[in-house]
Amino acid sequence: MPVQLAPAIGIDLGITYSCVGVFQHGKVEIIANDQGNRTTPSYVAFTETERLIGDSAKNQATVWYHGPKIGVQSKGGLKTFLFYPRENGFMVPKKMKKTAEAYLGQDNSD
């Protein structure tokens, strides 16, 4: 009986766009995100109520290149969070991982 290998997930984290693929059944498939696109913009943005990653963040993009940190105020304005740009960069691969898990039928909510 042949050994069944678990799918392998690969993320191409780019400066402008990122994508995620799965190697299973002897082939690689680039997975579409929740917008139906096979690439995801490497953008992170914040609204008053949520964190946006990918297409929705790119649509909200404004020029935030004026300082070393990005300030985000919590809902209701009770707390302010400061993020370095490199911290925002970790949010994109996390989104790619969730895209792959959804494709594979795995629910590993954080």
PDB file of N, CA and C in Angstrom:
ATOM      1  N   MET A   1       0.840  -1.172   0.000  1.00  0.00           N
ATOM      2  CA  MET A   1       0.000   0.000   0.000  1.00  0.00           C
ATOM      3  C   MET A   1       0.890   1.242   0.000  1.00  0.00           C
ATOM      4  N   PRO A   2       0.677   2.173  -0.959  1.00  0.00           N
ATOM      5  CA  PRO A   2       1.523   3.369  -1.039  1.00  0.00           C
ATOM      6  C   PRO A   2       1.285   4.300   0.159  1.00  0.00           C
ATOM      7  N   VAL A   3       2.340   4.982   0.532  1.00  0.00           N
ATOM      8  CA  VAL A   3       2.267   5.928   1.648  1.00  0.00           C
ATOM      9  C   VAL A   3       1.647   7.229   1.151  1.00  0.00           C
ATOM     10  N   GLN A   4       0.653   7.729   1.872  1.00  0.00           N
ATOM     11  CA  GLN A   4       0.031   9.007   1.539  1.00  0.00           C
ATOM     12  C   GLN A   4       0.805  10.118   2.225  1.00  0.00           C
ATOM     13  N   LEU A   5       1.351  11.025   1.443  1.00  0.00           N
ATOM     14  CA  LEU A   5       2.077  12.144   1.998  1.00  0.00           C
ATOM     15  C   LEU A   5       1.135  13.322   2.215  1.00  0.00           C
ATOM     16  N   ALA A   6       1.390  14.059   3.268  1.00  0.00           N
ATOM     17  CA  ALA A   6       0.598  15.271   3.522  1.00  0.00           C
ATOM     18  C   ALA A   6       0.933  16.304   2.453  1.00  0.00           C
ATOM     19  N   PRO A   7      -0.028  17.152   2.103  1.00  0.00           N
ATOM     20  CA  PRO A   7       0.252  18.198   1.129  1.00  0.00           C
ATOM     21  C   PRO A   7       1.345  19.136   1.639  1.00  0.00           C
ATOM     22  N   ALA A   8       2.170  19.631   0.724  1.00  0.00           N
ATOM     23  CA  ALA A   8       3.193  20.619   1.058  1.00  0.00           C
ATOM     24  C   ALA A   8       2.701  21.981   0.585  1.00  0.00           C
ATOM     25  N   ILE A   9       2.836  22.973   1.430  1.00  0.00           N
ATOM     26  CA  ILE A   9       2.395  24.324   1.117  1.00  0.00           C
ATOM     27  C   ILE A   9       3.620  25.199   0.905  1.00  0.00           C
ATOM     28  N   GLY A  10       3.607  25.984  -0.167  1.00  0.00           N
ATOM     29  CA  GLY A  10       4.692  26.918  -0.450  1.00  0.00           C
ATOM     30  C   GLY A  10       4.129  28.318  -0.622  1.00  0.00           C
ATOM     31  N   ILE A  11       4.813  29.300  -0.046  1.00  0.00           N
ATOM     32  CA  ILE A  11       4.387  30.692  -0.141  1.00  0.00           C
ATOM     33  C   ILE A  11       5.460  31.491  -0.862  1.00  0.00           C
ATOM     34  N   ASP A  12       5.061  32.230  -1.875  1.00  0.00           N
ATOM     35  CA  ASP A  12       5.946  33.165  -2.559  1.00  0.00           C
ATOM     36  C   ASP A  12       5.593  34.543  -2.028  1.00  0.00           C
ATOM     37  N   LEU A  13       6.388  35.023  -1.072  1.00  0.00           N
ATOM     38  CA  LEU A  13       6.132  36.311  -0.443  1.00  0.00           C
ATOM     39  C   LEU A  13       6.895  37.383  -1.207  1.00  0.00           C
ATOM     40  N   GLY A  14       6.148  38.197  -1.931  1.00  0.00           N
ATOM     41  CA  GLY A  14       6.765  39.239  -2.738  1.00  0.00           C
ATOM     42  C   GLY A  14       6.544  40.622  -2.156  1.00  0.00           C
ATOM     43  N   ILE A  15       7.309  41.569  -2.635  1.00  0.00           N
ATOM     44  CA  ILE A  15       7.172  42.948  -2.176  1.00  0.00           C
ATOM     45  C   ILE A  15       5.850  43.534  -2.653  1.00  0.00           C
ATOM     46  N   THR A  16       5.441  43.198  -3.866  1.00  0.00           N
ATOM     47  CA  THR A  16       4.209  43.745  -4.436  1.00  0.00           C
ATOM     48  C   THR A  16       3.049  42.764  -4.337  1.00  0.00           C
ATOM     49  N   TYR A  17       3.276  41.518  -4.707  1.00  0.00           N
ATOM     50  CA  TYR A  17       2.239  40.485  -4.663  1.00  0.00           C
ATOM     51  C   TYR A  17       2.810  39.223  -4.048  1.00  0.00           C
ATOM     52  N   SER A  18       1.939  38.417  -3.456  1.00  0.00           N
ATOM     53  CA  SER A  18       2.303  37.122  -2.883  1.00  0.00           C
ATOM     54  C   SER A  18       1.336  36.077  -3.418  1.00  0.00           C
ATOM     55  N   CYS A  19       1.752  34.811  -3.342  1.00  0.00           N
ATOM     56  CA  CYS A  19       0.848  33.728  -3.715  1.00  0.00           C
ATOM     57  C   CYS A  19       1.173  32.502  -2.882  1.00  0.00           C
ATOM     58  N   VAL A  20       0.233  31.574  -2.878  1.00  0.00           N
ATOM     59  CA  VAL A  20       0.420  30.344  -2.118  1.00  0.00           C
ATOM     60  C   VAL A  20       0.036  29.172  -3.016  1.00  0.00           C
ATOM     61  N   GLY A  21       0.827  28.103  -2.926  1.00  0.00           N
ATOM     62  CA  GLY A  21       0.554  26.916  -3.718  1.00  0.00           C
ATOM     63  C   GLY A  21       0.604  25.672  -2.850  1.00  0.00           C
ATOM     64  N   VAL A  22      -0.025  24.632  -3.352  1.00  0.00           N
ATOM     65  CA  VAL A  22      -0.051  23.351  -2.646  1.00  0.00           C
ATOM     66  C   VAL A  22       0.456  22.279  -3.602  1.00  0.00           C
ATOM     67  N   PHE A  23       1.393  21.458  -3.103  1.00  0.00           N
ATOM     68  CA  PHE A  23       1.855  20.306  -3.865  1.00  0.00           C
ATOM     69  C   PHE A  23       1.167  19.085  -3.279  1.00  0.00           C
ATOM     70  N   GLN A  24       0.321  18.475  -4.084  1.00  0.00           N
ATOM     71  CA  GLN A  24      -0.354  17.242  -3.676  1.00  0.00           C
ATOM     72  C   GLN A  24      -0.725  16.459  -4.924  1.00  0.00           C
ATOM     73  N   HIS A  25      -0.823  15.179  -4.780  1.00  0.00           N
ATOM     74  CA  HIS A  25      -1.168  14.280  -5.885  1.00  0.00           C
ATOM     75  C   HIS A  25      -0.227  14.468  -7.077  1.00  0.00           C
ATOM     76  N   GLY A  26       1.049  14.754  -6.783  1.00  0.00           N
ATOM     77  CA  GLY A  26       2.063  14.864  -7.820  1.00  0.00           C
ATOM     78  C   GLY A  26       2.043  16.147  -8.628  1.00  0.00           C
ATOM     79  N   LYS A  27       1.299  17.153  -8.196  1.00  0.00           N
ATOM     80  CA  LYS A  27       1.286  18.409  -8.950  1.00  0.00           C
ATOM     81  C   LYS A  27       1.152  19.600  -8.003  1.00  0.00           C
ATOM     82  N   VAL A  28       1.513  20.773  -8.508  1.00  0.00           N
ATOM     83  CA  VAL A  28       1.407  22.017  -7.755  1.00  0.00           C
ATOM     84  C   VAL A  28       0.222  22.804  -8.281  1.00  0.00           C
ATOM     85  N   GLU A  29      -0.573  23.320  -7.370  1.00  0.00           N
ATOM     86  CA  GLU A  29      -1.672  24.201  -7.753  1.00  0.00           C
ATOM     87  C   GLU A  29      -1.530  25.508  -6.995  1.00  0.00           C
ATOM     88  N   ILE A  30      -1.549  26.628  -7.731  1.00  0.00           N
ATOM     89  CA  ILE A  30      -1.560  27.942  -7.115  1.00  0.00           C
ATOM     90  C   ILE A  30      -3.002  28.221  -6.724  1.00  0.00           C
ATOM     91  N   ILE A  31      -3.211  28.550  -5.462  1.00  0.00           N
ATOM     92  CA  ILE A  31      -4.551  28.649  -4.897  1.00  0.00           C
ATOM     93  C   ILE A  31      -5.098  30.067  -5.038  1.00  0.00           C
ATOM     94  N   ALA A  32      -6.352  30.161  -5.426  1.00  0.00           N
ATOM     95  CA  ALA A  32      -7.032  31.449  -5.493  1.00  0.00           C
ATOM     96  C   ALA A  32      -7.393  31.908  -4.085  1.00  0.00           C
ATOM     97  N   ASN A  33      -7.292  33.211  -3.851  1.00  0.00           N
ATOM     98  CA  ASN A  33      -7.662  33.757  -2.545  1.00  0.00           C
ATOM     99  C   ASN A  33      -9.172  33.953  -2.456  1.00  0.00           C
ATOM    100  N   ASP A  34      -9.625  34.571  -1.383  1.00  0.00           N
ATOM    101  CA  ASP A  34     -11.066  34.745  -1.176  1.00  0.00           C
ATOM    102  C   ASP A  34     -11.708  35.708  -2.174  1.00  0.00           C
ATOM    103  N   GLN A  35     -10.883  36.407  -2.955  1.00  0.00           N
ATOM    104  CA  GLN A  35     -11.386  37.279  -4.016  1.00  0.00           C
ATOM    105  C   GLN A  35     -11.357  36.580  -5.383  1.00  0.00           C
ATOM    106  N   GLY A  36     -10.868  35.345  -5.409  1.00  0.00           N
ATOM    107  CA  GLY A  36     -10.790  34.591  -6.656  1.00  0.00           C
ATOM    108  C   GLY A  36      -9.518  34.830  -7.456  1.00  0.00           C
ATOM    109  N   ASN A  37      -8.557  35.545  -6.875  1.00  0.00           N
ATOM    110  CA  ASN A  37      -7.302  35.846  -7.565  1.00  0.00           C
ATOM    111  C   ASN A  37      -6.197  34.907  -7.093  1.00  0.00           C
ATOM    112  N   ARG A  38      -5.311  34.543  -8.001  1.00  0.00           N
ATOM    113  CA  ARG A  38      -4.215  33.640  -7.652  1.00  0.00           C
ATOM    114  C   ARG A  38      -3.002  34.373  -7.085  1.00  0.00           C
ATOM    115  N   THR A  39      -3.025  35.683  -7.108  1.00  0.00           N
ATOM    116  CA  THR A  39      -2.013  36.470  -6.415  1.00  0.00           C
ATOM    117  C   THR A  39      -2.732  37.416  -5.463  1.00  0.00           C
ATOM    118  N   THR A  40      -2.063  37.725  -4.365  1.00  0.00           N
ATOM    119  CA  THR A  40      -2.625  38.602  -3.341  1.00  0.00           C
ATOM    120  C   THR A  40      -1.686  39.785  -3.165  1.00  0.00           C
ATOM    121  N   PRO A  41      -2.208  41.011  -3.244  1.00  0.00           N
ATOM    122  CA  PRO A  41      -1.337  42.160  -3.000  1.00  0.00           C
ATOM    123  C   PRO A  41      -0.711  42.083  -1.606  1.00  0.00           C
ATOM    124  N   SER A  42       0.562  42.411  -1.519  1.00  0.00           N
ATOM    125  CA  SER A  42       1.271  42.378  -0.235  1.00  0.00           C
ATOM    126  C   SER A  42       1.037  43.701   0.502  1.00  0.00           C
ATOM    127  N   TYR A  43      -0.207  43.948   0.829  1.00  0.00           N
ATOM    128  CA  TYR A  43      -0.622  45.172   1.505  1.00  0.00           C
ATOM    129  C   TYR A  43      -1.308  44.822   2.819  1.00  0.00           C
ATOM    130  N   VAL A  44      -1.117  45.686   3.808  1.00  0.00           N
ATOM    131  CA  VAL A  44      -1.830  45.596   5.072  1.00  0.00           C
ATOM    132  C   VAL A  44      -2.352  46.998   5.369  1.00  0.00           C
ATOM    133  N   ALA A  45      -3.627  47.099   5.741  1.00  0.00           N
ATOM    134  CA  ALA A  45      -4.234  48.385   6.092  1.00  0.00           C
ATOM    135  C   ALA A  45      -5.161  48.174   7.278  1.00  0.00           C
ATOM    136  N   PHE A  46      -5.532  49.261   7.888  1.00  0.00           N
ATOM    137  CA  PHE A  46      -6.402  49.200   9.054  1.00  0.00           C
ATOM    138  C   PHE A  46      -7.548  50.182   8.896  1.00  0.00           C
ATOM    139  N   THR A  47      -8.720  49.761   9.332  1.00  0.00           N
ATOM    140  CA  THR A  47      -9.862  50.664   9.424  1.00  0.00           C
ATOM    141  C   THR A  47     -10.129  50.875  10.915  1.00  0.00           C
ATOM    142  N   GLU A  48     -11.188  51.577  11.231  1.00  0.00           N
ATOM    143  CA  GLU A  48     -11.513  51.779  12.646  1.00  0.00           C
ATOM    144  C   GLU A  48     -11.902  50.477  13.341  1.00  0.00           C
ATOM    145  N   THR A  49     -12.343  49.474  12.557  1.00  0.00           N
ATOM    146  CA  THR A  49     -12.857  48.251  13.174  1.00  0.00           C
ATOM    147  C   THR A  49     -12.123  46.969  12.798  1.00  0.00           C
ATOM    148  N   GLU A  50     -11.248  46.998  11.789  1.00  0.00           N
ATOM    149  CA  GLU A  50     -10.626  45.745  11.382  1.00  0.00           C
ATOM    150  C   GLU A  50      -9.277  45.946  10.718  1.00  0.00           C
ATOM    151  N   ARG A  51      -8.548  44.841  10.591  1.00  0.00           N
ATOM    152  CA  ARG A  51      -7.284  44.792   9.867  1.00  0.00           C
ATOM    153  C   ARG A  51      -7.586  44.203   8.496  1.00  0.00           C
ATOM    154  N   LEU A  52      -7.104  44.849   7.454  1.00  0.00           N
ATOM    155  CA  LEU A  52      -7.312  44.383   6.090  1.00  0.00           C
ATOM    156  C   LEU A  52      -5.990  43.880   5.535  1.00  0.00           C
ATOM    157  N   ILE A  53      -6.040  42.774   4.802  1.00  0.00           N
ATOM    158  CA  ILE A  53      -4.845  42.202   4.197  1.00  0.00           C
ATOM    159  C   ILE A  53      -5.171  41.829   2.761  1.00  0.00           C
ATOM    160  N   GLY A  54      -4.277  42.171   1.842  1.00  0.00           N
ATOM    161  CA  GLY A  54      -4.454  41.774   0.445  1.00  0.00           C
ATOM    162  C   GLY A  54      -5.227  42.785  -0.367  1.00  0.00           C
ATOM    163  N   ASP A  55      -6.171  42.277  -1.175  1.00  0.00           N
ATOM    164  CA  ASP A  55      -6.936  43.121  -2.087  1.00  0.00           C
ATOM    165  C   ASP A  55      -7.681  44.240  -1.367  1.00  0.00           C
ATOM    166  N   SER A  56      -8.325  43.915  -0.262  1.00  0.00           N
ATOM    167  CA  SER A  56      -9.089  44.931   0.457  1.00  0.00           C
ATOM    168  C   SER A  56      -8.166  46.005   1.025  1.00  0.00           C
ATOM    169  N   ALA A  57      -6.966  45.628   1.456  1.00  0.00           N
ATOM    170  CA  ALA A  57      -6.008  46.608   1.964  1.00  0.00           C
ATOM    171  C   ALA A  57      -5.496  47.496   0.838  1.00  0.00           C
ATOM    172  N   LYS A  58      -5.241  46.909  -0.313  1.00  0.00           N
ATOM    173  CA  LYS A  58      -4.761  47.699  -1.449  1.00  0.00           C
ATOM    174  C   LYS A  58      -5.811  48.724  -1.859  1.00  0.00           C
ATOM    175  N   ASN A  59      -7.078  48.337  -1.792  1.00  0.00           N
ATOM    176  CA  ASN A  59      -8.154  49.254  -2.134  1.00  0.00           C
ATOM    177  C   ASN A  59      -8.250  50.415  -1.150  1.00  0.00           C
ATOM    178  N   GLN A  60      -7.789  50.225   0.072  1.00  0.00           N
ATOM    179  CA  GLN A  60      -7.816  51.267   1.094  1.00  0.00           C
ATOM    180  C   GLN A  60      -6.500  52.032   1.184  1.00  0.00           C
ATOM    181  N   ALA A  61      -5.555  51.684   0.320  1.00  0.00           N
ATOM    182  CA  ALA A  61      -4.193  52.210   0.443  1.00  0.00           C
ATOM    183  C   ALA A  61      -4.144  53.729   0.390  1.00  0.00           C
ATOM    184  N   THR A  62      -3.389  54.258   1.302  1.00  0.00           N
ATOM    185  CA  THR A  62      -3.011  55.661   1.303  1.00  0.00           C
ATOM    186  C   THR A  62      -1.509  55.701   1.533  1.00  0.00           C
ATOM    187  N   VAL A  63      -0.915  56.816   1.357  1.00  0.00           N
ATOM    188  CA  VAL A  63       0.538  56.901   1.539  1.00  0.00           C
ATOM    189  C   VAL A  63       0.849  56.972   3.029  1.00  0.00           C
ATOM    190  N   TRP A  64       1.512  55.912   3.531  1.00  0.00           N
ATOM    191  CA  TRP A  64       1.903  55.827   4.942  1.00  0.00           C
ATOM    192  C   TRP A  64       3.418  55.799   5.079  1.00  0.00           C
ATOM    193  N   TYR A  65       4.120  56.410   4.163  1.00  0.00           N
ATOM    194  CA  TYR A  65       5.576  56.330   4.182  1.00  0.00           C
ATOM    195  C   TYR A  65       6.209  57.509   4.918  1.00  0.00           C
ATOM    196  N   HIS A  66       5.479  58.165   5.831  1.00  0.00           N
ATOM    197  CA  HIS A  66       5.969  59.359   6.490  1.00  0.00           C
ATOM    198  C   HIS A  66       6.614  59.084   7.843  1.00  0.00           C
ATOM    199  N   GLY A  67       6.667  57.855   8.315  1.00  0.00           N
ATOM    200  CA  GLY A  67       7.245  57.614   9.635  1.00  0.00           C
ATOM    201  C   GLY A  67       7.597  56.187   9.834  1.00  0.00           C
ATOM    202  N   PRO A  68       8.353  55.866  10.917  1.00  0.00           N
ATOM    203  CA  PRO A  68       8.824  54.509  11.150  1.00  0.00           C
ATOM    204  C   PRO A  68       7.755  53.569  11.696  1.00  0.00           C
ATOM    205  N   LYS A  69       6.653  54.104  12.223  1.00  0.00           N
ATOM    206  CA  LYS A  69       5.614  53.247  12.781  1.00  0.00           C
ATOM    207  C   LYS A  69       4.242  53.649  12.256  1.00  0.00           C
ATOM    208  N   ILE A  70       3.347  52.682  12.274  1.00  0.00           N
ATOM    209  CA  ILE A  70       1.963  52.920  11.898  1.00  0.00           C
ATOM    210  C   ILE A  70       1.131  52.782  13.164  1.00  0.00           C
ATOM    211  N   GLY A  71       0.335  53.789  13.457  1.00  0.00           N
ATOM    212  CA  GLY A  71      -0.512  53.749  14.640  1.00  0.00           C
ATOM    213  C   GLY A  71      -1.912  53.298  14.283  1.00  0.00           C
ATOM    214  N   VAL A  72      -2.436  52.385  15.067  1.00  0.00           N
ATOM    215  CA  VAL A  72      -3.794  51.878  14.860  1.00  0.00           C
ATOM    216  C   VAL A  72      -4.520  51.984  16.191  1.00  0.00           C
ATOM    217  N   GLN A  73      -5.665  52.621  16.145  1.00  0.00           N
ATOM    218  CA  GLN A  73      -6.451  52.765  17.369  1.00  0.00           C
ATOM    219  C   GLN A  73      -7.521  51.688  17.411  1.00  0.00           C
ATOM    220  N   SER A  74      -7.704  51.094  18.575  1.00  0.00           N
ATOM    221  CA  SER A  74      -8.692  50.030  18.728  1.00  0.00           C
ATOM    222  C   SER A  74     -10.097  50.586  18.590  1.00  0.00           C
ATOM    223  N   LYS A  75     -11.032  49.687  18.380  1.00  0.00           N
ATOM    224  CA  LYS A  75     -12.437  50.068  18.290  1.00  0.00           C
ATOM    225  C   LYS A  75     -12.827  50.791  19.579  1.00  0.00           C
ATOM    226  N   GLY A  76     -13.442  51.916  19.432  1.00  0.00           N
ATOM    227  CA  GLY A  76     -13.816  52.701  20.598  1.00  0.00           C
ATOM    228  C   GLY A  76     -12.700  53.611  21.087  1.00  0.00           C
ATOM    229  N   GLY A  77     -11.533  53.517  20.459  1.00  0.00           N
ATOM    230  CA  GLY A  77     -10.424  54.387  20.800  1.00  0.00           C
ATOM    231  C   GLY A  77      -9.803  54.154  22.163  1.00  0.00           C
ATOM    232  N   LEU A  78      -9.990  52.965  22.712  1.00  0.00           N
ATOM    233  CA  LEU A  78      -9.486  52.696  24.055  1.00  0.00           C
ATOM    234  C   LEU A  78      -7.980  52.450  24.102  1.00  0.00           C
ATOM    235  N   LYS A  79      -7.412  51.986  22.989  1.00  0.00           N
ATOM    236  CA  LYS A  79      -5.995  51.653  22.980  1.00  0.00           C
ATOM    237  C   LYS A  79      -5.417  51.938  21.601  1.00  0.00           C
ATOM    238  N   THR A  80      -4.170  52.374  21.565  1.00  0.00           N
ATOM    239  CA  THR A  80      -3.474  52.598  20.307  1.00  0.00           C
ATOM    240  C   THR A  80      -2.351  51.574  20.184  1.00  0.00           C
ATOM    241  N   PHE A  81      -2.270  50.924  19.031  1.00  0.00           N
ATOM    242  CA  PHE A  81      -1.220  49.953  18.745  1.00  0.00           C
ATOM    243  C   PHE A  81      -0.273  50.573  17.731  1.00  0.00           C
ATOM    244  N   LEU A  82       1.026  50.406  17.943  1.00  0.00           N
ATOM    245  CA  LEU A  82       2.027  50.893  16.998  1.00  0.00           C
ATOM    246  C   LEU A  82       2.720  49.706  16.360  1.00  0.00           C
ATOM    247  N   PHE A  83       2.794  49.710  15.035  1.00  0.00           N
ATOM    248  CA  PHE A  83       3.410  48.612  14.290  1.00  0.00           C
ATOM    249  C   PHE A  83       4.556  49.144  13.443  1.00  0.00           C
ATOM    250  N   TYR A  84       5.671  48.432  13.461  1.00  0.00           N
ATOM    251  CA  TYR A  84       6.735  48.701  12.503  1.00  0.00           C
ATOM    252  C   TYR A  84       6.333  48.068  11.173  1.00  0.00           C
ATOM    253  N   PRO A  85       6.783  48.613  10.048  1.00  0.00           N
ATOM    254  CA  PRO A  85       6.440  48.002   8.756  1.00  0.00           C
ATOM    255  C   PRO A  85       6.774  46.523   8.664  1.00  0.00           C
ATOM    256  N   ARG A  86       7.888  46.097   9.261  1.00  0.00           N
ATOM    257  CA  ARG A  86       8.255  44.669   9.184  1.00  0.00           C
ATOM    258  C   ARG A  86       7.241  43.783   9.906  1.00  0.00           C
ATOM    259  N   GLU A  87       6.582  44.314  10.943  1.00  0.00           N
ATOM    260  CA  GLU A  87       5.549  43.539  11.636  1.00  0.00           C
ATOM    261  C   GLU A  87       4.346  43.330  10.729  1.00  0.00           C
ATOM    262  N   ASN A  88       3.996  44.342   9.955  1.00  0.00           N
ATOM    263  CA  ASN A  88       2.901  44.196   9.009  1.00  0.00           C
ATOM    264  C   ASN A  88       3.228  43.139   7.970  1.00  0.00           C
ATOM    265  N   GLY A  89       4.511  43.018   7.623  1.00  0.00           N
ATOM    266  CA  GLY A  89       4.929  42.025   6.646  1.00  0.00           C
ATOM    267  C   GLY A  89       4.652  40.601   7.079  1.00  0.00           C
ATOM    268  N   PHE A  90       4.590  40.343   8.376  1.00  0.00           N
ATOM    269  CA  PHE A  90       4.285  38.999   8.864  1.00  0.00           C
ATOM    270  C   PHE A  90       2.811  38.651   8.699  1.00  0.00           C
ATOM    271  N   MET A  91       1.983  39.661   8.529  1.00  0.00           N
ATOM    272  CA  MET A  91       0.550  39.418   8.406  1.00  0.00           C
ATOM    273  C   MET A  91       0.197  38.812   7.048  1.00  0.00           C
ATOM    274  N   VAL A  92       0.977  39.134   6.014  1.00  0.00           N
ATOM    275  CA  VAL A  92       0.694  38.614   4.671  1.00  0.00           C
ATOM    276  C   VAL A  92       0.914  37.103   4.597  1.00  0.00           C
ATOM    277  N   PRO A  93       2.060  36.564   5.068  1.00  0.00           N
ATOM    278  CA  PRO A  93       2.205  35.105   5.019  1.00  0.00           C
ATOM    279  C   PRO A  93       1.150  34.379   5.846  1.00  0.00           C
ATOM    280  N   LYS A  94       0.728  34.983   6.939  1.00  0.00           N
ATOM    281  CA  LYS A  94      -0.326  34.373   7.753  1.00  0.00           C
ATOM    282  C   LYS A  94      -1.612  34.263   6.941  1.00  0.00           C
ATOM    283  N   LYS A  95      -1.921  35.287   6.149  1.00  0.00           N
ATOM    284  CA  LYS A  95      -3.099  35.266   5.274  1.00  0.00           C
ATOM    285  C   LYS A  95      -2.938  34.174   4.209  1.00  0.00           C
ATOM    286  N   MET A  96      -1.735  34.028   3.649  1.00  0.00           N
ATOM    287  CA  MET A  96      -1.479  32.997   2.631  1.00  0.00           C
ATOM    288  C   MET A  96      -1.687  31.608   3.236  1.00  0.00           C
ATOM    289  N   LYS A  97      -1.238  31.424   4.486  1.00  0.00           N
ATOM    290  CA  LYS A  97      -1.411  30.146   5.169  1.00  0.00           C
ATOM    291  C   LYS A  97      -2.894  29.832   5.332  1.00  0.00           C
ATOM    292  N   LYS A  98      -3.682  30.823   5.732  1.00  0.00           N
ATOM    293  CA  LYS A  98      -5.117  30.610   5.906  1.00  0.00           C
ATOM    294  C   LYS A  98      -5.788  30.290   4.575  1.00  0.00           C
ATOM    295  N   THR A  99      -5.326  30.920   3.489  1.00  0.00           N
ATOM    296  CA  THR A  99      -5.864  30.621   2.162  1.00  0.00           C
ATOM    297  C   THR A  99      -5.631  29.155   1.815  1.00  0.00           C
ATOM    298  N   ALA A 100      -4.418  28.657   2.081  1.00  0.00           N
ATOM    299  CA  ALA A 100      -4.096  27.253   1.800  1.00  0.00           C
ATOM    300  C   ALA A 100      -4.906  26.309   2.684  1.00  0.00           C
ATOM    301  N   GLU A 101      -5.052  26.649   3.959  1.00  0.00           N
ATOM    302  CA  GLU A 101      -5.822  25.800   4.863  1.00  0.00           C
ATOM    303  C   GLU A 101      -7.285  25.720   4.447  1.00  0.00           C
ATOM    304  N   ALA A 102      -7.845  26.847   4.020  1.00  0.00           N
ATOM    305  CA  ALA A 102      -9.238  26.836   3.560  1.00  0.00           C
ATOM    306  C   ALA A 102      -9.378  25.957   2.321  1.00  0.00           C
ATOM    307  N   TYR A 103      -8.406  26.037   1.422  1.00  0.00           N
ATOM    308  CA  TYR A 103      -8.420  25.221   0.206  1.00  0.00           C
ATOM    309  C   TYR A 103      -8.356  23.735   0.536  1.00  0.00           C
ATOM    310  N   LEU A 104      -7.553  23.402   1.539  1.00  0.00           N
ATOM    311  CA  LEU A 104      -7.378  21.998   1.929  1.00  0.00           C
ATOM    312  C   LEU A 104      -8.466  21.514   2.884  1.00  0.00           C
ATOM    313  N   GLY A 105      -9.395  22.404   3.240  1.00  0.00           N
ATOM    314  CA  GLY A 105     -10.469  22.012   4.141  1.00  0.00           C
ATOM    315  C   GLY A 105     -10.058  21.924   5.587  1.00  0.00           C
ATOM    316  N   GLN A 106      -9.006  22.624   5.948  1.00  0.00           N
ATOM    317  CA  GLN A 106      -8.544  22.635   7.322  1.00  0.00           C
ATOM    318  C   GLN A 106      -8.963  23.950   7.957  1.00  0.00           C
ATOM    319  N   ASP A 107      -9.426  23.891   9.189  1.00  0.00           N
ATOM    320  CA  ASP A 107      -9.826  25.100   9.908  1.00  0.00           C
ATOM    321  C   ASP A 107      -8.922  25.257  11.104  1.00  0.00           C
ATOM    322  N   ASN A 108      -7.835  25.989  10.904  1.00  0.00           N
ATOM    323  CA  ASN A 108      -6.881  26.247  11.986  1.00  0.00           C
ATOM    324  C   ASN A 108      -6.958  27.706  12.372  1.00  0.00           C
ATOM    325  N   SER A 109      -8.100  28.110  12.912  1.00  0.00           N
ATOM    326  CA  SER A 109      -8.334  29.513  13.278  1.00  0.00           C
ATOM    327  C   SER A 109      -7.364  29.950  14.354  1.00  0.00           C
ATOM    328  N   ASP A 110      -6.949  31.213  14.239  1.00  0.00           N
ATOM    329  CA  ASP A 110      -6.061  31.809  15.254  1.00  0.00           C
ATOM    330  C   ASP A 110      -6.859  32.644  16.204  1.00  0.00           C
TER     331      ASP A 110
END
